[in-house]
Every structure is written in structure tokens, then in C-alpha cells.
Amino acid sequence: MNISKPLALLFLATAFAVASNPSSQGSTVKPPAEGKTIFDPVRSHSYNPYGTAGAASNVRDLVKTPSDINGQSFFYVAPTSNVGYVAFPMAGSFLLGLDQSPLGRPAALVLGYANSSIGFALDYSVAKGWWGEEAQNGSTTGDISQRTTFAGDNIGLYLSMPMGSNTFYANLRWLTYAPSTSYERGSYEFSVNYSEIQGNVGLTHSGSLSYDGYLNIIRTGGTFKDTTSKKYVDPNSYLGAALHFDLGYAALQNSDARVIVGLNNSFSMIFLDEIKTPKRKGDNQMGFNISPNILGEVSLTENWLAFVGATHAINLVAGDRDGVKETSQFTITHSNGTYASVGVRYQKTNWAVEATLENNIFDNPLDGLNGNDMLSSFGGFINF
């Protein structure tokens, strides 16, 4: 049975409202406390995947701008994604997170601290191994020593400082994105490295017109070299720099609903490494990315909240493509499709649950009865 998306949304909203308060169809939403809205609390890790500026912070945003940890007191677990966070006061505020590396595995440990003036955070995923073997009597090859760093090994350092309605932040991350090895046997040595290092420096502002502007520098790529003077460079190795400026405007808002219209923009330059095999000069490419996005939230009843959003991207790329002959290119494309999602939140005074629904639920709302997942993420808060 296929049901249109608008009809499915209406079905879900009605079901949630009735389930929340079956005896009071005409209940009204309590007005928000002065200076706050019902949308303000920290949200689940999968909230706002569109990156809309001005939306509420999710638990992972507290790592990007750790000064926001100050004053937080909550416990959060998402069993569908194997994620857990807790924030608690202690000479300021601390954050402990049990999460994943940027590649999804291995696990990551997150530690954060903030007071009223500054915040720090660290996330670390360990994936290393060391092996050694002594040479046997009479051997002419010598001892063997090997170190391997597995994909997902990661360390990230974060800092932020509140400045009135603005927040300054800076972060630095080192990631091993493919297995990397250093090997020694007697006088022979070789190494294979696949790593990415990137840093960001930026400033955010919250208000009816919100923004997040930052500079990103990235160096990523792979190399192989040994004592025979052989050296190879991965064709995808490059140095990049990008300026990002994301805008979010609260176009519609009252005590029980809001719509934020966002526009995320970036201008980037990429300098591809020169390689000898196959021969290629260092290519230069530049791109401009525009990502319009929208995020809407509505209080269905005093306790039920629904949130929806959508985004896509327009990409302009220009630059050289050097091979045996030098060529140039210019492309302008929309992303393969528009990404949209919908979720719900049920909140009480000291706890809340939040879920994002799978896309296929709109084609067949009864699909979950067949053993398929209805939720792409599900998490719960205990607030203190």
C-alpha cells in the first residue's frame, strides 16, 4: 500500500496528537518562558542534519563549540546509533561522550569542559598496533619492527569562547582514513601513510538572523616511500582552503511554531599534488557551493513536537585537469537530489525522547510491522 507523503505526514501528526492527549483535542500550548522558546533544549545527535544556522544545538554541536557545555545538565543515549553523552556541573561543567570516529568506527571518547569564559573538548579514537621480531641467529636481514595505524584513528581538539551574542571557536583534527604502516627490517624501510589534517577558525552569532562564518584548511592524501628511493603519491592528495558563511533567518515564529530559512555558502580552492606515475602536474581547482535549506518545528500539543527540514546543493567547479595534455573544466550542477527528513520529540519536565523517521515510512507507514526499521535514529534525554 503506497500513501503520498503529505497524507502520511498528516496521519503521523494526528496520531501523535491523539496519543498525547486523547481526552483533550482542543488543548493549547503553554507560552514559552521569557527569553526562551520550547525549541531551545539540547537536541538529539541527528537533529538538524541540514546545518541550518540558528537552529537549536544538538549534543555533537557541544563538541564543536564547547563553551556551550557551560550550564548543561543532562544524560543522553541513542541506542539505534550507539551514542551516549552526559553533561554535569563540577567547577564549571563537564561533558563525557561515548561516540564513534568520523569514519563510523572505531569508538571515540569525548571529553569536554567549560565555564562562563571558555570551553575545551577532546575526541579521540585509538586504532594502532606495534609488532616486533628479533632476528634469528645467522640471519642477514636483521630485526623486524612494524607499526600500523588503522582507518578511523583520530584525535580532535576544540576550543571556543563566548563573546556576547557571538561565539569564537577553533579546532584541529588529525584522521587516518586508510590503513597506514611503517616497516623496518634491518637496513630496509618503507612507509605507507593515508592521513587528513584539518583546522577551522570561525565565529557564530545567534539571533533572528544567525550566521556561522569560518575558514577551513585541509591537507589530505597518501604516500608510499622506501629506502630504494621509490615514492608514490595518491592521486587524491591535495591541499585545500575554504571560506564558509552560513546564514539562518527565522522567517516565521510564534510561541508554538517556527520556520528557519538557511543558506550555506562556501568558496574553496584545491591544489592537487603533482605526481610522477601516472604523470600529472599539480592541478588547481576552485569551487563555489550554495546549499539552501529550511527547518520547521511545530508544537503539536504541550508535550509533542514535530520537526522537518530539507536541503540540497548547487556546485560550481572550475580548474585545470592536467595529464599528457593540459585541459580546463567548468561545471555547474545540482546535487543528485534534495534531502529531507522528519522527526518527533516528546518532552516532559525532566525527560524527553526524540526520533527521526526512515524515508520509506512515508511510502508505507505499515512497513515497520513487517520487521523493517521505522526509525533512522532514536534517543532519550534525562534532564536535571
Protein backbone atom coordinates (compact mmCIF):
# COMPACT_ATOMS: atom_id res chain seq x y z
CA MET A 1 0.00 0.00 0.00
CA ASN A 2 1.55 3.34 -1.10
CA ILE A 3 0.43 6.54 0.54
CA SER A 4 1.55 10.01 -0.52
CA LYS A 5 3.99 11.85 1.72
CA PRO A 6 1.60 14.70 2.60
CA LEU A 7 -1.06 12.19 3.64
CA ALA A 8 1.47 10.23 5.68
CA LEU A 9 2.61 13.39 7.47
CA LEU A 10 -0.99 14.28 8.31
CA PHE A 11 -1.54 10.74 9.56
CA LEU A 12 1.53 10.86 11.81
CA ALA A 13 0.76 14.30 13.22
CA THR A 14 -2.83 13.33 14.04
CA ALA A 15 -1.77 10.04 15.64
CA PHE A 16 0.82 11.72 17.85
CA ALA A 17 -1.57 14.45 18.97
CA VAL A 18 -4.30 11.97 19.88
CA ALA A 19 -1.87 9.65 21.65
CA SER A 20 -0.53 12.51 23.70
CA ASN A 21 -3.90 13.74 25.00
CA PRO A 22 -6.85 11.68 23.77
CA SER A 23 -9.37 13.41 26.03
CA SER A 24 -8.45 16.98 25.14
CA GLN A 25 -8.49 17.62 21.42
CA GLY A 26 -8.59 21.39 21.97
CA SER A 27 -5.60 21.69 24.33
CA THR A 28 -3.39 24.69 23.78
CA VAL A 29 0.35 25.12 24.05
CA LYS A 30 1.69 26.94 27.09
CA PRO A 31 3.51 30.16 26.20
CA PRO A 32 7.31 29.94 26.41
CA ALA A 33 9.26 31.38 29.32
CA GLU A 34 10.51 34.91 28.72
CA GLY A 35 13.66 34.85 26.57
CA LYS A 36 13.28 31.18 25.67
CA THR A 37 11.24 29.04 23.32
CA ILE A 38 10.05 25.47 23.55
CA PHE A 39 12.66 24.61 20.87
CA ASP A 40 15.72 25.67 22.91
CA PRO A 41 16.83 22.50 24.77
CA VAL A 42 19.82 20.50 23.50
CA ARG A 43 18.60 18.07 20.85
CA SER A 44 19.49 14.58 19.66
CA HIS A 45 22.71 13.89 17.71
CA SER A 46 20.79 13.53 14.42
CA TYR A 47 18.82 16.76 14.74
CA ASN A 48 19.41 19.38 12.01
CA PRO A 49 21.50 17.35 9.54
CA TYR A 50 20.99 20.21 7.07
CA GLY A 51 23.27 22.51 9.10
CA THR A 52 20.70 25.29 9.36
CA ALA A 53 22.21 28.26 11.23
CA GLY A 54 20.11 29.43 14.17
CA ALA A 55 18.62 26.02 14.96
CA ALA A 56 18.97 24.50 18.43
CA SER A 57 22.26 22.82 19.32
CA ASN A 58 22.47 19.04 19.24
CA VAL A 59 24.74 17.05 21.56
CA ARG A 60 27.56 16.91 18.98
CA ASP A 61 27.43 20.68 18.49
CA LEU A 62 28.62 20.97 22.10
CA VAL A 63 31.93 19.49 20.94
CA LYS A 64 32.34 21.97 18.08
CA THR A 65 31.67 24.93 20.40
CA PRO A 66 32.49 23.51 23.86
CA SER A 67 31.79 26.79 25.67
CA ASP A 68 28.10 25.84 25.20
CA ILE A 69 28.69 22.96 27.64
CA ASN A 70 28.58 25.51 30.46
CA GLY A 71 25.35 25.20 32.45
CA GLN A 72 24.26 21.93 30.80
CA SER A 73 22.97 19.04 32.94
CA PHE A 74 21.61 16.06 31.01
CA PHE A 75 22.06 12.39 30.16
CA TYR A 76 21.53 11.26 26.56
CA VAL A 77 21.65 7.82 24.92
CA ALA A 78 20.74 6.83 21.34
CA PRO A 79 20.63 3.01 21.14
CA THR A 80 19.96 2.98 17.39
CA SER A 81 23.29 4.78 16.78
CA ASN A 82 25.29 3.56 19.80
CA VAL A 83 25.90 7.10 21.07
CA GLY A 84 25.86 8.39 24.64
CA TYR A 85 26.58 11.77 26.30
CA VAL A 86 26.34 13.18 29.81
CA ALA A 87 26.90 16.79 30.94
CA PHE A 88 27.16 17.70 34.61
CA PRO A 89 28.29 20.61 36.81
CA MET A 90 31.65 20.45 38.61
CA ALA A 91 33.67 23.69 39.00
CA GLY A 92 32.05 24.67 35.72
CA SER A 93 30.52 21.97 33.52
CA PHE A 94 31.92 18.71 32.15
CA LEU A 95 30.90 16.66 29.12
CA LEU A 96 31.59 12.95 28.67
CA GLY A 97 30.70 11.39 25.33
CA LEU A 98 30.86 7.82 24.04
CA ASP A 99 30.68 8.16 20.28
CA GLN A 100 32.28 6.98 17.01
CA SER A 101 35.23 8.20 14.95
CA PRO A 102 34.42 10.28 11.83
CA LEU A 103 34.56 7.07 9.77
CA GLY A 104 31.96 5.38 11.96
CA ARG A 105 34.47 3.11 13.70
CA PRO A 106 36.31 2.60 15.98
CA ALA A 107 34.66 4.08 19.06
CA ALA A 108 35.58 7.57 20.21
CA LEU A 109 35.93 9.02 23.69
CA VAL A 110 34.80 12.64 24.04
CA LEU A 111 35.80 14.87 26.95
CA GLY A 112 34.80 18.49 27.39
CA TYR A 113 34.92 21.25 29.99
CA ALA A 114 33.52 24.77 30.05
CA ASN A 115 33.00 27.68 32.38
CA SER A 116 31.48 31.09 31.74
CA SER A 117 34.59 32.28 29.87
CA ILE A 118 35.93 29.40 27.76
CA GLY A 119 35.36 25.80 26.71
CA PHE A 120 37.63 22.92 25.66
CA ALA A 121 36.91 19.50 24.17
CA LEU A 122 38.83 16.44 23.00
CA ASP A 123 37.64 13.49 20.97
CA TYR A 124 39.95 10.54 20.48
CA SER A 125 39.70 7.20 18.68
CA VAL A 126 42.59 4.77 19.21
CA ALA A 127 43.42 2.29 16.43
CA LYS A 128 47.14 1.43 16.45
CA GLY A 129 49.29 -1.68 16.64
CA TRP A 130 53.01 -2.45 17.11
CA TRP A 131 54.85 -5.66 16.20
CA GLY A 132 58.46 -6.69 16.59
CA GLU A 133 60.54 -9.78 15.86
CA GLU A 134 64.14 -10.44 16.75
CA ALA A 135 66.41 -11.77 14.03
CA GLN A 136 67.35 -15.42 14.36
CA ASN A 137 70.99 -16.49 14.78
CA GLY A 138 72.67 -16.37 11.39
CA SER A 139 70.02 -14.12 9.87
CA THR A 140 71.29 -11.47 7.45
CA THR A 141 68.09 -9.45 7.37
CA GLY A 142 68.04 -8.07 10.92
CA ASP A 143 65.23 -7.36 13.40
CA ILE A 144 61.72 -6.65 12.21
CA SER A 145 59.73 -3.71 13.53
CA GLN A 146 56.29 -2.64 12.30
CA ARG A 147 53.76 -0.04 13.35
CA THR A 148 50.26 0.12 11.86
CA THR A 149 47.62 2.78 12.28
CA PHE A 150 44.19 1.56 11.26
CA ALA A 151 41.47 3.51 9.50
CA GLY A 152 39.47 5.67 11.88
CA ASP A 153 42.33 6.54 14.24
CA ASN A 154 41.51 10.13 15.13
CA ILE A 155 42.26 12.96 17.52
CA GLY A 156 40.40 16.28 17.58
CA LEU A 157 40.97 19.35 19.76
CA TYR A 158 38.33 22.07 20.16
CA LEU A 159 38.18 25.50 21.81
CA SER A 160 35.52 28.20 21.95
CA MET A 161 34.83 31.44 23.82
CA PRO A 162 31.53 33.31 24.16
CA MET A 163 31.63 36.98 23.15
CA GLY A 164 28.18 38.41 23.92
CA SER A 165 25.77 37.09 21.30
CA ASN A 166 28.76 35.73 19.33
CA THR A 167 30.98 32.70 19.89
CA PHE A 168 34.55 32.37 18.65
CA TYR A 169 35.75 28.81 18.00
CA ALA A 170 38.79 26.96 16.66
CA ASN A 171 39.50 23.27 16.20
CA LEU A 172 42.13 20.93 14.81
CA ARG A 173 41.68 17.29 13.74
CA TRP A 174 44.04 14.52 12.62
CA LEU A 175 42.44 11.46 10.99
CA THR A 176 43.94 8.31 9.49
CA TYR A 177 41.39 7.42 6.79
CA ALA A 178 43.01 4.23 5.45
CA PRO A 179 45.44 1.69 7.00
CA SER A 180 48.95 3.16 7.30
CA THR A 181 52.15 1.25 8.07
CA SER A 182 55.79 1.90 8.91
CA TYR A 183 58.03 -1.18 8.46
CA GLU A 184 61.72 -1.80 9.19
CA ARG A 185 63.76 -4.94 8.57
CA GLY A 186 67.47 -4.43 9.02
CA SER A 187 68.51 -1.63 6.67
CA TYR A 188 65.30 -1.78 4.62
CA GLU A 189 62.43 0.56 5.48
CA PHE A 190 59.15 1.52 3.89
CA SER A 191 56.11 3.50 4.94
CA VAL A 192 52.57 3.94 3.68
CA ASN A 193 50.56 6.86 5.06
CA TYR A 194 46.98 7.96 4.47
CA SER A 195 46.10 10.90 6.66
CA GLU A 196 43.98 14.01 6.82
CA ILE A 197 44.62 17.06 8.97
CA GLN A 198 42.26 19.99 9.01
CA GLY A 199 41.55 23.04 11.09
CA ASN A 200 38.73 25.54 11.41
CA VAL A 201 38.56 29.05 12.84
CA GLY A 202 35.19 30.74 12.97
CA LEU A 203 32.61 32.99 14.59
CA THR A 204 28.93 32.26 15.19
CA HIS A 205 26.07 34.61 16.01
CA SER A 206 22.60 33.77 17.29
CA GLY A 207 19.54 35.95 16.78
CA SER A 208 16.65 36.44 14.39
CA LEU A 209 19.41 36.48 11.75
CA SER A 210 22.06 33.90 12.68
CA TYR A 211 25.33 33.12 10.99
CA ASP A 212 28.36 30.86 11.16
CA GLY A 213 31.44 32.09 9.29
CA TYR A 214 34.67 30.12 9.31
CA LEU A 215 37.91 29.37 7.49
CA ASN A 216 38.79 25.73 6.81
CA ILE A 217 42.26 24.43 5.90
CA ILE A 218 42.71 20.77 4.95
CA ARG A 219 45.64 18.60 3.90
CA THR A 220 44.77 15.08 2.87
CA GLY A 221 46.36 12.30 0.86
CA GLY A 222 48.50 9.20 0.75
CA THR A 223 52.17 8.43 0.07
CA PHE A 224 54.43 5.39 -0.25
CA LYS A 225 58.20 5.55 0.06
CA ASP A 226 61.08 3.19 0.85
CA THR A 227 64.87 3.07 1.07
CA THR A 228 65.18 2.19 -2.63
CA SER A 229 64.13 5.80 -3.39
CA LYS A 230 60.73 4.75 -4.66
CA LYS A 231 57.99 7.21 -3.83
CA TYR A 232 54.36 7.26 -4.91
CA VAL A 233 51.69 9.85 -4.22
CA ASP A 234 48.00 9.01 -4.10
CA PRO A 235 46.22 10.88 -6.97
CA ASN A 236 43.66 12.18 -4.48
CA SER A 237 46.26 14.02 -2.37
CA TYR A 238 45.64 17.76 -2.09
CA LEU A 239 45.88 20.93 -0.03
CA GLY A 240 42.65 22.85 0.30
CA ALA A 241 41.32 26.07 1.78
CA ALA A 242 37.70 27.16 2.04
CA LEU A 243 35.71 30.10 3.33
CA HIS A 244 32.27 29.19 4.67
CA PHE A 245 29.45 31.57 5.52
CA ASP A 246 26.15 30.05 6.67
CA LEU A 247 23.06 32.16 7.24
CA GLY A 248 19.81 31.35 9.02
CA TYR A 249 16.79 33.65 9.23
CA ALA A 250 13.79 32.99 11.50
CA ALA A 251 11.25 33.78 8.78
CA LEU A 252 8.20 32.62 10.73
CA GLN A 253 7.99 32.25 14.52
CA ASN A 254 5.50 32.35 17.36
CA SER A 255 5.13 30.56 20.69
CA ASP A 256 4.36 27.18 19.17
CA ALA A 257 5.97 27.11 15.68
CA ARG A 258 8.95 28.43 13.78
CA VAL A 259 10.49 28.17 10.33
CA ILE A 260 14.17 28.98 9.69
CA VAL A 261 15.30 29.66 6.13
CA GLY A 262 19.01 28.98 5.68
CA LEU A 263 21.66 29.48 3.04
CA ASN A 264 25.01 27.74 3.50
CA ASN A 265 27.79 29.00 1.23
CA SER A 266 31.43 28.09 0.69
CA PHE A 267 34.21 29.15 -1.63
CA SER A 268 37.08 26.67 -1.87
CA MET A 269 40.47 26.25 -3.55
CA ILE A 270 42.11 22.85 -4.03
CA PHE A 271 45.72 22.29 -5.05
CA LEU A 272 46.21 18.67 -6.14
CA ASP A 273 49.68 17.20 -5.66
CA GLU A 274 51.99 16.71 -8.59
CA ILE A 275 52.51 13.01 -9.27
CA LYS A 276 55.00 11.14 -11.45
CA THR A 277 53.16 7.88 -12.08
CA PRO A 278 50.90 8.44 -13.95
CA LYS A 279 52.42 11.81 -14.73
CA ARG A 280 50.36 14.78 -13.68
CA LYS A 281 51.21 18.37 -12.89
CA GLY A 282 49.72 19.94 -9.82
CA ASP A 283 46.11 20.78 -10.68
CA ASN A 284 44.35 23.83 -9.29
CA GLN A 285 40.62 23.79 -8.81
CA MET A 286 38.17 26.19 -7.23
CA GLY A 287 34.56 25.73 -6.34
CA PHE A 288 31.56 27.61 -5.05
CA ASN A 289 28.90 25.68 -3.16
CA ILE A 290 25.44 27.03 -2.34
CA SER A 291 23.15 24.95 -0.12
CA PRO A 292 19.68 26.39 0.53
CA ASN A 293 17.94 24.74 3.48
CA ILE A 294 14.78 25.04 5.52
CA LEU A 295 13.92 23.80 9.00
CA GLY A 296 10.48 23.88 10.55
CA GLU A 297 9.26 22.96 14.03
CA VAL A 298 5.76 22.90 15.44
CA SER A 299 4.33 22.00 18.83
CA LEU A 300 1.51 19.54 18.21
CA THR A 301 0.45 19.59 21.87
CA GLU A 302 2.00 20.70 25.14
CA ASN A 303 4.37 17.69 25.03
CA TRP A 304 4.68 16.65 21.37
CA LEU A 305 6.99 18.48 18.97
CA ALA A 306 7.45 17.72 15.26
CA PHE A 307 10.40 18.92 13.18
CA VAL A 308 11.04 18.73 9.44
CA GLY A 309 13.64 20.06 7.06
CA ALA A 310 15.19 19.84 3.63
CA THR A 311 18.35 20.83 1.77
CA HIS A 312 20.22 20.38 -1.48
CA ALA A 313 23.34 21.86 -3.07
CA ILE A 314 24.36 23.78 -6.17
CA ASN A 315 28.03 23.27 -7.07
CA LEU A 316 30.21 25.33 -9.40
CA VAL A 317 33.68 23.93 -10.14
CA ALA A 318 36.42 25.37 -12.36
CA GLY A 319 40.08 24.46 -12.80
CA ASP A 320 42.79 22.55 -14.62
CA ARG A 321 42.90 18.85 -15.38
CA ASP A 322 46.50 18.10 -16.33
CA GLY A 323 47.57 14.86 -17.88
CA VAL A 324 49.61 14.28 -21.01
CA LYS A 325 47.81 17.39 -22.27
CA GLU A 326 46.63 20.28 -20.13
CA THR A 327 42.88 20.82 -20.13
CA SER A 328 40.44 23.02 -18.26
CA GLN A 329 36.94 22.44 -16.99
CA PHE A 330 33.90 24.29 -15.67
CA THR A 331 30.80 22.58 -14.33
CA ILE A 332 27.62 23.70 -12.60
CA THR A 333 25.40 21.01 -11.12
CA HIS A 334 22.67 20.49 -8.60
CA SER A 335 23.16 17.73 -6.07
CA ASN A 336 21.78 14.33 -7.01
CA GLY A 337 18.60 15.09 -5.10
CA THR A 338 17.01 17.05 -2.27
CA TYR A 339 17.47 15.53 1.16
CA ALA A 340 14.52 15.83 3.53
CA SER A 341 13.67 14.28 6.88
CA VAL A 342 11.05 14.43 9.61
CA GLY A 343 11.20 13.70 13.31
CA VAL A 344 9.25 13.97 16.56
CA ARG A 345 10.08 14.82 20.16
CA TYR A 346 8.08 14.02 23.29
CA GLN A 347 9.19 16.13 26.24
CA LYS A 348 8.27 16.41 29.90
CA THR A 349 9.82 18.45 32.69
CA ASN A 350 12.86 16.24 33.28
CA TRP A 351 12.97 13.84 30.32
CA ALA A 352 12.46 13.70 26.57
CA VAL A 353 12.66 11.23 23.69
CA GLU A 354 13.41 12.18 20.09
CA ALA A 355 13.21 10.15 16.90
CA THR A 356 13.87 10.66 13.20
CA LEU A 357 11.77 8.59 10.81
CA GLU A 358 13.05 6.49 7.92
CA ASN A 359 12.19 7.73 4.43
CA ASN A 360 10.37 4.54 3.49
CA ILE A 361 7.82 5.09 6.26
CA PHE A 362 6.13 7.68 4.04
CA ASP A 363 5.67 5.22 1.18
CA ASN A 364 4.28 2.56 3.51
CA PRO A 365 3.51 3.56 7.13
CA LEU A 366 2.84 -0.11 7.98
CA ASP A 367 6.26 -1.23 6.77
CA GLY A 368 7.55 -1.39 10.34
CA LEU A 369 5.08 -4.16 11.08
CA ASN A 370 7.00 -6.34 8.61
CA GLY A 371 10.13 -6.18 10.74
CA ASN A 372 11.75 -3.24 8.96
CA ASP A 373 13.09 -0.23 10.85
CA MET A 374 10.73 2.71 11.16
CA LEU A 375 13.32 4.94 12.85
CA SER A 376 16.62 6.12 11.44
CA SER A 377 17.56 7.33 14.91
CA PHE A 378 16.07 7.25 18.38
CA GLY A 379 17.47 8.82 21.54
CA GLY A 380 16.35 9.82 25.00
CA PHE A 381 17.28 12.58 27.48
CA ILE A 382 17.11 12.80 31.24
CA ASN A 383 17.37 16.48 32.16
CA PHE A 384 18.44 17.86 35.52
